[in-house]
Amino acid sequence: MAIEVITKEDLNEFRQLLIADLSTLLEIKPQQQQKKWLKSNEVRELLNISPGTLQNLRINGTLTYTRVGGILFYESAHIDKLLNENKTINR
């Protein structure tokens, strides 16, 4: 059985390759296409809100939705727009 010695240079080369691979993966992820329509549970998870809060947003017209059968769908572009319009800047 042969013994293989790993040097600091080998570790540095591995680190550089790993960083390059991770950078590539992180660049690809944001470019993936976002779902156009989200179900209620996805919206609640995205906004970290309860079912009651989501219902209040529907009732008062803050968040529009489409009902197909018994399933409610929310347009992701509308949710993004709503979040961007309600940004606050802390000073």
PDB file of N, CA and C in Angstrom:
ATOM      1  N   MET A   1       0.839  -1.181   0.000  1.00  0.00           N
ATOM      2  CA  MET A   1       0.000   0.000   0.000  1.00  0.00           C
ATOM      3  C   MET A   1       0.885   1.245   0.000  1.00  0.00           C
ATOM      4  N   ALA A   2       0.693   2.112  -0.971  1.00  0.00           N
ATOM      5  CA  ALA A   2       1.529   3.300  -1.119  1.00  0.00           C
ATOM      6  C   ALA A   2       0.969   4.438  -0.267  1.00  0.00           C
ATOM      7  N   ILE A   3       1.852   5.210   0.287  1.00  0.00           N
ATOM      8  CA  ILE A   3       1.469   6.377   1.090  1.00  0.00           C
ATOM      9  C   ILE A   3       1.585   7.607   0.199  1.00  0.00           C
ATOM     10  N   GLU A   4       0.551   8.420   0.213  1.00  0.00           N
ATOM     11  CA  GLU A   4       0.544   9.629  -0.596  1.00  0.00           C
ATOM     12  C   GLU A   4       0.609  10.830   0.335  1.00  0.00           C
ATOM     13  N   VAL A   5       1.546  11.697   0.110  1.00  0.00           N
ATOM     14  CA  VAL A   5       1.742  12.868   0.943  1.00  0.00           C
ATOM     15  C   VAL A   5       0.997  14.044   0.321  1.00  0.00           C
ATOM     16  N   ILE A   6       0.232  14.715   1.162  1.00  0.00           N
ATOM     17  CA  ILE A   6      -0.511  15.894   0.706  1.00  0.00           C
ATOM     18  C   ILE A   6       0.196  17.127   1.245  1.00  0.00           C
ATOM     19  N   THR A   7       0.552  18.018   0.343  1.00  0.00           N
ATOM     20  CA  THR A   7       1.283  19.225   0.737  1.00  0.00           C
ATOM     21  C   THR A   7       0.332  20.400   0.891  1.00  0.00           C
ATOM     22  N   LYS A   8       0.850  21.491   1.426  1.00  0.00           N
ATOM     23  CA  LYS A   8       0.061  22.713   1.554  1.00  0.00           C
ATOM     24  C   LYS A   8      -0.362  23.227   0.181  1.00  0.00           C
ATOM     25  N   GLU A   9       0.502  23.062  -0.796  1.00  0.00           N
ATOM     26  CA  GLU A   9       0.176  23.496  -2.153  1.00  0.00           C
ATOM     27  C   GLU A   9      -1.011  22.700  -2.707  1.00  0.00           C
ATOM     28  N   ASP A  10      -1.031  21.388  -2.406  1.00  0.00           N
ATOM     29  CA  ASP A  10      -2.159  20.555  -2.837  1.00  0.00           C
ATOM     30  C   ASP A  10      -3.465  21.045  -2.202  1.00  0.00           C
ATOM     31  N   LEU A  11      -3.389  21.361  -0.918  1.00  0.00           N
ATOM     32  CA  LEU A  11      -4.586  21.845  -0.221  1.00  0.00           C
ATOM     33  C   LEU A  11      -5.031  23.199  -0.767  1.00  0.00           C
ATOM     34  N   ASN A  12      -4.078  24.072  -1.060  1.00  0.00           N
ATOM     35  CA  ASN A  12      -4.423  25.379  -1.633  1.00  0.00           C
ATOM     36  C   ASN A  12      -5.054  25.224  -3.009  1.00  0.00           C
ATOM     37  N   GLU A  13      -4.529  24.310  -3.813  1.00  0.00           N
ATOM     38  CA  GLU A  13      -5.102  24.063  -5.127  1.00  0.00           C
ATOM     39  C   GLU A  13      -6.530  23.515  -5.005  1.00  0.00           C
ATOM     40  N   PHE A  14      -6.732  22.594  -4.064  1.00  0.00           N
ATOM     41  CA  PHE A  14      -8.068  22.042  -3.827  1.00  0.00           C
ATOM     42  C   PHE A  14      -9.029  23.131  -3.374  1.00  0.00           C
ATOM     43  N   ARG A  15      -8.543  24.012  -2.498  1.00  0.00           N
ATOM     44  CA  ARG A  15      -9.384  25.105  -1.992  1.00  0.00           C
ATOM     45  C   ARG A  15      -9.812  26.019  -3.138  1.00  0.00           C
ATOM     46  N   GLN A  16      -8.881  26.349  -4.036  1.00  0.00           N
ATOM     47  CA  GLN A  16      -9.201  27.215  -5.167  1.00  0.00           C
ATOM     48  C   GLN A  16     -10.231  26.563  -6.092  1.00  0.00           C
ATOM     49  N   LEU A  17     -10.066  25.265  -6.337  1.00  0.00           N
ATOM     50  CA  LEU A  17     -11.031  24.555  -7.178  1.00  0.00           C
ATOM     51  C   LEU A  17     -12.410  24.506  -6.522  1.00  0.00           C
ATOM     52  N   LEU A  18     -12.434  24.277  -5.214  1.00  0.00           N
ATOM     53  CA  LEU A  18     -13.695  24.222  -4.482  1.00  0.00           C
ATOM     54  C   LEU A  18     -14.397  25.575  -4.500  1.00  0.00           C
ATOM     55  N   ILE A  19     -13.653  26.640  -4.282  1.00  0.00           N
ATOM     56  CA  ILE A  19     -14.235  27.990  -4.311  1.00  0.00           C
ATOM     57  C   ILE A  19     -14.780  28.312  -5.703  1.00  0.00           C
ATOM     58  N   ALA A  20     -14.055  27.932  -6.727  1.00  0.00           N
ATOM     59  CA  ALA A  20     -14.518  28.185  -8.099  1.00  0.00           C
ATOM     60  C   ALA A  20     -15.809  27.417  -8.380  1.00  0.00           C
ATOM     61  N   ASP A  21     -15.865  26.163  -7.951  1.00  0.00           N
ATOM     62  CA  ASP A  21     -17.071  25.357  -8.160  1.00  0.00           C
ATOM     63  C   ASP A  21     -18.259  25.933  -7.402  1.00  0.00           C
ATOM     64  N   LEU A  22     -18.042  26.334  -6.156  1.00  0.00           N
ATOM     65  CA  LEU A  22     -19.129  26.916  -5.360  1.00  0.00           C
ATOM     66  C   LEU A  22     -19.608  28.234  -5.959  1.00  0.00           C
ATOM     67  N   SER A  23     -18.690  29.036  -6.440  1.00  0.00           N
ATOM     68  CA  SER A  23     -19.074  30.301  -7.071  1.00  0.00           C
ATOM     69  C   SER A  23     -19.943  30.054  -8.294  1.00  0.00           C
ATOM     70  N   THR A  24     -19.582  29.053  -9.073  1.00  0.00           N
ATOM     71  CA  THR A  24     -20.367  28.706 -10.260  1.00  0.00           C
ATOM     72  C   THR A  24     -21.769  28.275  -9.867  1.00  0.00           C
ATOM     73  N   LEU A  25     -21.866  27.455  -8.842  1.00  0.00           N
ATOM     74  CA  LEU A  25     -23.181  26.993  -8.386  1.00  0.00           C
ATOM     75  C   LEU A  25     -24.035  28.139  -7.869  1.00  0.00           C
ATOM     76  N   LEU A  26     -23.439  29.054  -7.133  1.00  0.00           N
ATOM     77  CA  LEU A  26     -24.196  30.181  -6.596  1.00  0.00           C
ATOM     78  C   LEU A  26     -24.647  31.136  -7.679  1.00  0.00           C
ATOM     79  N   GLU A  27     -23.894  31.264  -8.755  1.00  0.00           N
ATOM     80  CA  GLU A  27     -24.297  32.126  -9.858  1.00  0.00           C
ATOM     81  C   GLU A  27     -25.455  31.526 -10.633  1.00  0.00           C
ATOM     82  N   ILE A  28     -25.524  30.227 -10.744  1.00  0.00           N
ATOM     83  CA  ILE A  28     -26.583  29.561 -11.499  1.00  0.00           C
ATOM     84  C   ILE A  28     -27.909  29.639 -10.769  1.00  0.00           C
ATOM     85  N   LYS A  29     -27.907  29.516  -9.456  1.00  0.00           N
ATOM     86  CA  LYS A  29     -29.144  29.433  -8.694  1.00  0.00           C
ATOM     87  C   LYS A  29     -30.072  30.639  -8.876  1.00  0.00           C
ATOM     88  N   PRO A  30     -29.601  31.892  -8.742  1.00  0.00           N
ATOM     89  CA  PRO A  30     -30.524  33.018  -8.910  1.00  0.00           C
ATOM     90  C   PRO A  30     -31.105  33.119 -10.315  1.00  0.00           C
ATOM     91  N   GLN A  31     -30.449  32.543 -11.306  1.00  0.00           N
ATOM     92  CA  GLN A  31     -30.930  32.645 -12.668  1.00  0.00           C
ATOM     93  C   GLN A  31     -32.027  31.631 -12.979  1.00  0.00           C
ATOM     94  N   GLN A  32     -32.239  30.677 -12.057  1.00  0.00           N
ATOM     95  CA  GLN A  32     -33.283  29.695 -12.304  1.00  0.00           C
ATOM     96  C   GLN A  32     -34.631  30.398 -12.328  1.00  0.00           C
ATOM     97  N   GLN A  33     -35.509  29.910 -13.172  1.00  0.00           N
ATOM     98  CA  GLN A  33     -36.805  30.549 -13.347  1.00  0.00           C
ATOM     99  C   GLN A  33     -37.661  30.364 -12.100  1.00  0.00           C
ATOM    100  N   GLN A  34     -38.239  31.463 -11.651  1.00  0.00           N
ATOM    101  CA  GLN A  34     -39.116  31.435 -10.494  1.00  0.00           C
ATOM    102  C   GLN A  34     -40.501  30.971 -10.938  1.00  0.00           C
ATOM    103  N   LYS A  35     -41.189  30.257 -10.052  1.00  0.00           N
ATOM    104  CA  LYS A  35     -42.541  29.808 -10.381  1.00  0.00           C
ATOM    105  C   LYS A  35     -43.451  31.015 -10.561  1.00  0.00           C
ATOM    106  N   LYS A  36     -44.313  30.968 -11.565  1.00  0.00           N
ATOM    107  CA  LYS A  36     -45.233  32.083 -11.825  1.00  0.00           C
ATOM    108  C   LYS A  36     -46.369  32.104 -10.806  1.00  0.00           C
ATOM    109  N   TRP A  37     -46.870  30.943 -10.441  1.00  0.00           N
ATOM    110  CA  TRP A  37     -47.987  30.846  -9.513  1.00  0.00           C
ATOM    111  C   TRP A  37     -47.584  30.048  -8.277  1.00  0.00           C
ATOM    112  N   LEU A  38     -47.970  30.539  -7.114  1.00  0.00           N
ATOM    113  CA  LEU A  38     -47.663  29.878  -5.847  1.00  0.00           C
ATOM    114  C   LEU A  38     -48.947  29.493  -5.136  1.00  0.00           C
ATOM    115  N   LYS A  39     -48.933  28.353  -4.459  1.00  0.00           N
ATOM    116  CA  LYS A  39     -50.071  27.933  -3.648  1.00  0.00           C
ATOM    117  C   LYS A  39     -49.998  28.618  -2.289  1.00  0.00           C
ATOM    118  N   SER A  40     -51.092  28.547  -1.535  1.00  0.00           N
ATOM    119  CA  SER A  40     -51.180  29.224  -0.239  1.00  0.00           C
ATOM    120  C   SER A  40     -50.041  28.838   0.695  1.00  0.00           C
ATOM    121  N   ASN A  41     -49.751  27.536   0.787  1.00  0.00           N
ATOM    122  CA  ASN A  41     -48.699  27.120   1.712  1.00  0.00           C
ATOM    123  C   ASN A  41     -47.332  27.667   1.304  1.00  0.00           C
ATOM    124  N   GLU A  42     -47.082  27.803   0.008  1.00  0.00           N
ATOM    125  CA  GLU A  42     -45.817  28.363  -0.456  1.00  0.00           C
ATOM    126  C   GLU A  42     -45.721  29.849  -0.120  1.00  0.00           C
ATOM    127  N   VAL A  43     -46.840  30.561  -0.243  1.00  0.00           N
ATOM    128  CA  VAL A  43     -46.864  31.988   0.079  1.00  0.00           C
ATOM    129  C   VAL A  43     -46.665  32.185   1.578  1.00  0.00           C
ATOM    130  N   ARG A  44     -47.345  31.366   2.388  1.00  0.00           N
ATOM    131  CA  ARG A  44     -47.189  31.470   3.844  1.00  0.00           C
ATOM    132  C   ARG A  44     -45.745  31.215   4.258  1.00  0.00           C
ATOM    133  N   GLU A  45     -45.104  30.228   3.629  1.00  0.00           N
ATOM    134  CA  GLU A  45     -43.709  29.920   3.945  1.00  0.00           C
ATOM    135  C   GLU A  45     -42.784  31.044   3.483  1.00  0.00           C
ATOM    136  N   LEU A  46     -43.037  31.566   2.291  1.00  0.00           N
ATOM    137  CA  LEU A  46     -42.217  32.642   1.739  1.00  0.00           C
ATOM    138  C   LEU A  46     -42.274  33.900   2.611  1.00  0.00           C
ATOM    139  N   LEU A  47     -43.481  34.257   3.041  1.00  0.00           N
ATOM    140  CA  LEU A  47     -43.670  35.475   3.830  1.00  0.00           C
ATOM    141  C   LEU A  47     -43.590  35.240   5.333  1.00  0.00           C
ATOM    142  N   ASN A  48     -43.507  33.968   5.738  1.00  0.00           N
ATOM    143  CA  ASN A  48     -43.459  33.596   7.150  1.00  0.00           C
ATOM    144  C   ASN A  48     -44.677  34.150   7.897  1.00  0.00           C
ATOM    145  N   ILE A  49     -45.864  33.837   7.368  1.00  0.00           N
ATOM    146  CA  ILE A  49     -47.104  34.310   7.965  1.00  0.00           C
ATOM    147  C   ILE A  49     -48.034  33.118   8.225  1.00  0.00           C
ATOM    148  N   SER A  50     -49.032  33.355   9.055  1.00  0.00           N
ATOM    149  CA  SER A  50     -49.999  32.308   9.403  1.00  0.00           C
ATOM    150  C   SER A  50     -51.118  32.246   8.370  1.00  0.00           C
ATOM    151  N   PRO A  51     -51.890  31.160   8.372  1.00  0.00           N
ATOM    152  CA  PRO A  51     -53.037  31.080   7.456  1.00  0.00           C
ATOM    153  C   PRO A  51     -54.022  32.234   7.663  1.00  0.00           C
ATOM    154  N   GLY A  52     -54.222  32.648   8.904  1.00  0.00           N
ATOM    155  CA  GLY A  52     -55.137  33.754   9.188  1.00  0.00           C
ATOM    156  C   GLY A  52     -54.652  35.069   8.600  1.00  0.00           C
ATOM    157  N   THR A  53     -53.362  35.315   8.695  1.00  0.00           N
ATOM    158  CA  THR A  53     -52.794  36.538   8.122  1.00  0.00           C
ATOM    159  C   THR A  53     -52.934  36.535   6.605  1.00  0.00           C
ATOM    160  N   LEU A  54     -52.700  35.387   5.994  1.00  0.00           N
ATOM    161  CA  LEU A  54     -52.867  35.287   4.542  1.00  0.00           C
ATOM    162  C   LEU A  54     -54.320  35.543   4.159  1.00  0.00           C
ATOM    163  N   GLN A  55     -55.247  35.029   4.942  1.00  0.00           N
ATOM    164  CA  GLN A  55     -56.669  35.263   4.680  1.00  0.00           C
ATOM    165  C   GLN A  55     -56.991  36.746   4.803  1.00  0.00           C
ATOM    166  N   ASN A  56     -56.441  37.422   5.807  1.00  0.00           N
ATOM    167  CA  ASN A  56     -56.668  38.861   5.959  1.00  0.00           C
ATOM    168  C   ASN A  56     -56.122  39.640   4.766  1.00  0.00           C
ATOM    169  N   LEU A  57     -54.963  39.230   4.244  1.00  0.00           N
ATOM    170  CA  LEU A  57     -54.400  39.900   3.069  1.00  0.00           C
ATOM    171  C   LEU A  57     -55.301  39.723   1.853  1.00  0.00           C
ATOM    172  N   ARG A  58     -55.953  38.564   1.753  1.00  0.00           N
ATOM    173  CA  ARG A  58     -56.901  38.339   0.650  1.00  0.00           C
ATOM    174  C   ARG A  58     -58.153  39.184   0.844  1.00  0.00           C
ATOM    175  N   ILE A  59     -58.704  39.163   2.044  1.00  0.00           N
ATOM    176  CA  ILE A  59     -59.966  39.852   2.319  1.00  0.00           C
ATOM    177  C   ILE A  59     -59.850  41.360   2.101  1.00  0.00           C
ATOM    178  N   ASN A  60     -58.754  41.960   2.590  1.00  0.00           N
ATOM    179  CA  ASN A  60     -58.640  43.415   2.452  1.00  0.00           C
ATOM    180  C   ASN A  60     -58.076  43.840   1.095  1.00  0.00           C
ATOM    181  N   GLY A  61     -57.820  42.873   0.192  1.00  0.00           N
ATOM    182  CA  GLY A  61     -57.403  43.190  -1.163  1.00  0.00           C
ATOM    183  C   GLY A  61     -55.920  43.489  -1.316  1.00  0.00           C
ATOM    184  N   THR A  62     -55.148  43.284  -0.264  1.00  0.00           N
ATOM    185  CA  THR A  62     -53.711  43.526  -0.344  1.00  0.00           C
ATOM    186  C   THR A  62     -53.042  42.545  -1.279  1.00  0.00           C
ATOM    187  N   LEU A  63     -53.524  41.312  -1.266  1.00  0.00           N
ATOM    188  CA  LEU A  63     -52.930  40.260  -2.072  1.00  0.00           C
ATOM    189  C   LEU A  63     -54.006  39.639  -2.953  1.00  0.00           C
ATOM    190  N   THR A  64     -53.819  39.739  -4.256  1.00  0.00           N
ATOM    191  CA  THR A  64     -54.795  39.163  -5.180  1.00  0.00           C
ATOM    192  C   THR A  64     -54.525  37.667  -5.344  1.00  0.00           C
ATOM    193  N   TYR A  65     -55.553  36.957  -5.749  1.00  0.00           N
ATOM    194  CA  TYR A  65     -55.433  35.509  -5.896  1.00  0.00           C
ATOM    195  C   TYR A  65     -56.368  35.025  -6.981  1.00  0.00           C
ATOM    196  N   THR A  66     -56.149  33.786  -7.386  1.00  0.00           N
ATOM    197  CA  THR A  66     -57.011  33.114  -8.350  1.00  0.00           C
ATOM    198  C   THR A  66     -57.410  31.779  -7.752  1.00  0.00           C
ATOM    199  N   ARG A  67     -58.707  31.469  -7.826  1.00  0.00           N
ATOM    200  CA  ARG A  67     -59.186  30.206  -7.284  1.00  0.00           C
ATOM    201  C   ARG A  67     -59.478  29.252  -8.451  1.00  0.00           C
ATOM    202  N   VAL A  68     -58.859  28.085  -8.385  1.00  0.00           N
ATOM    203  CA  VAL A  68     -59.129  27.034  -9.362  1.00  0.00           C
ATOM    204  C   VAL A  68     -59.584  25.834  -8.553  1.00  0.00           C
ATOM    205  N   GLY A  69     -60.870  25.517  -8.685  1.00  0.00           N
ATOM    206  CA  GLY A  69     -61.432  24.477  -7.824  1.00  0.00           C
ATOM    207  C   GLY A  69     -61.379  24.966  -6.384  1.00  0.00           C
ATOM    208  N   GLY A  70     -60.775  24.197  -5.520  1.00  0.00           N
ATOM    209  CA  GLY A  70     -60.635  24.614  -4.125  1.00  0.00           C
ATOM    210  C   GLY A  70     -59.250  25.110  -3.784  1.00  0.00           C
ATOM    211  N   ILE A  71     -58.414  25.328  -4.790  1.00  0.00           N
ATOM    212  CA  ILE A  71     -57.028  25.723  -4.548  1.00  0.00           C
ATOM    213  C   ILE A  71     -56.849  27.191  -4.906  1.00  0.00           C
ATOM    214  N   LEU A  72     -56.197  27.937  -4.004  1.00  0.00           N
ATOM    215  CA  LEU A  72     -55.912  29.348  -4.241  1.00  0.00           C
ATOM    216  C   LEU A  72     -54.484  29.487  -4.761  1.00  0.00           C
ATOM    217  N   PHE A  73     -54.339  30.291  -5.807  1.00  0.00           N
ATOM    218  CA  PHE A  73     -53.030  30.551  -6.393  1.00  0.00           C
ATOM    219  C   PHE A  73     -52.744  32.039  -6.333  1.00  0.00           C
ATOM    220  N   TYR A  74     -51.477  32.373  -6.094  1.00  0.00           N
ATOM    221  CA  TYR A  74     -51.039  33.762  -5.995  1.00  0.00           C
ATOM    222  C   TYR A  74     -49.922  33.971  -7.005  1.00  0.00           C
ATOM    223  N   GLU A  75     -49.985  35.069  -7.727  1.00  0.00           N
ATOM    224  CA  GLU A  75     -48.960  35.348  -8.739  1.00  0.00           C
ATOM    225  C   GLU A  75     -47.693  35.847  -8.045  1.00  0.00           C
ATOM    226  N   SER A  76     -46.570  35.191  -8.311  1.00  0.00           N
ATOM    227  CA  SER A  76     -45.323  35.542  -7.631  1.00  0.00           C
ATOM    228  C   SER A  76     -44.874  36.964  -7.973  1.00  0.00           C
ATOM    229  N   ALA A  77     -45.141  37.419  -9.183  1.00  0.00           N
ATOM    230  CA  ALA A  77     -44.764  38.785  -9.564  1.00  0.00           C
ATOM    231  C   ALA A  77     -45.516  39.804  -8.715  1.00  0.00           C
ATOM    232  N   HIS A  78     -46.780  39.512  -8.385  1.00  0.00           N
ATOM    233  CA  HIS A  78     -47.560  40.431  -7.545  1.00  0.00           C
ATOM    234  C   HIS A  78     -47.017  40.456  -6.118  1.00  0.00           C
ATOM    235  N   ILE A  79     -46.589  39.308  -5.622  1.00  0.00           N
ATOM    236  CA  ILE A  79     -46.009  39.243  -4.274  1.00  0.00           C
ATOM    237  C   ILE A  79     -44.703  40.034  -4.247  1.00  0.00           C
ATOM    238  N   ASP A  80     -43.856  39.882  -5.267  1.00  0.00           N
ATOM    239  CA  ASP A  80     -42.609  40.646  -5.344  1.00  0.00           C
ATOM    240  C   ASP A  80     -42.894  42.143  -5.381  1.00  0.00           C
ATOM    241  N   LYS A  81     -43.877  42.536  -6.181  1.00  0.00           N
ATOM    242  CA  LYS A  81     -44.242  43.946  -6.297  1.00  0.00           C
ATOM    243  C   LYS A  81     -44.727  44.488  -4.959  1.00  0.00           C
ATOM    244  N   LEU A  82     -45.550  43.709  -4.276  1.00  0.00           N
ATOM    245  CA  LEU A  82     -46.074  44.108  -2.972  1.00  0.00           C
ATOM    246  C   LEU A  82     -44.939  44.308  -1.971  1.00  0.00           C
ATOM    247  N   LEU A  83     -43.981  43.392  -1.952  1.00  0.00           N
ATOM    248  CA  LEU A  83     -42.849  43.502  -1.038  1.00  0.00           C
ATOM    249  C   LEU A  83     -41.991  44.714  -1.369  1.00  0.00           C
ATOM    250  N   ASN A  84     -41.740  44.967  -2.652  1.00  0.00           N
ATOM    251  CA  ASN A  84     -40.924  46.114  -3.048  1.00  0.00           C
ATOM    252  C   ASN A  84     -41.607  47.443  -2.754  1.00  0.00           C
ATOM    253  N   GLU A  85     -42.925  47.503  -2.900  1.00  0.00           N
ATOM    254  CA  GLU A  85     -43.657  48.747  -2.634  1.00  0.00           C
ATOM    255  C   GLU A  85     -43.698  49.080  -1.150  1.00  0.00           C
ATOM    256  N   ASN A  86     -43.562  48.081  -0.292  1.00  0.00           N
ATOM    257  CA  ASN A  86     -43.666  48.291   1.139  1.00  0.00           C
ATOM    258  C   ASN A  86     -42.321  48.260   1.856  1.00  0.00           C
ATOM    259  N   LYS A  87     -41.249  48.466   1.106  1.00  0.00           N
ATOM    260  CA  LYS A  87     -39.915  48.521   1.726  1.00  0.00           C
ATOM    261  C   LYS A  87     -39.818  49.752   2.607  1.00  0.00           C
ATOM    262  N   THR A  88     -39.097  49.604   3.702  1.00  0.00           N
ATOM    263  CA  THR A  88     -38.819  50.745   4.573  1.00  0.00           C
ATOM    264  C   THR A  88     -37.314  50.831   4.758  1.00  0.00           C
ATOM    265  N   ILE A  89     -36.846  52.051   4.941  1.00  0.00           N
ATOM    266  CA  ILE A  89     -35.415  52.288   5.149  1.00  0.00           C
ATOM    267  C   ILE A  89     -35.245  52.792   6.580  1.00  0.00           C
ATOM    268  N   ASN A  90     -34.475  52.036   7.360  1.00  0.00           N
ATOM    269  CA  ASN A  90     -34.192  52.452   8.733  1.00  0.00           C
ATOM    270  C   ASN A  90     -33.016  53.415   8.743  1.00  0.00           C
ATOM    271  N   ARG A  91     -33.187  54.492   9.437  1.00  0.00           N
ATOM    272  CA  ARG A  91     -32.103  55.488   9.521  1.00  0.00           C
ATOM    273  C   ARG A  91     -31.693  55.665  10.934  1.00  0.00           C
TER     274      ARG A  91
END
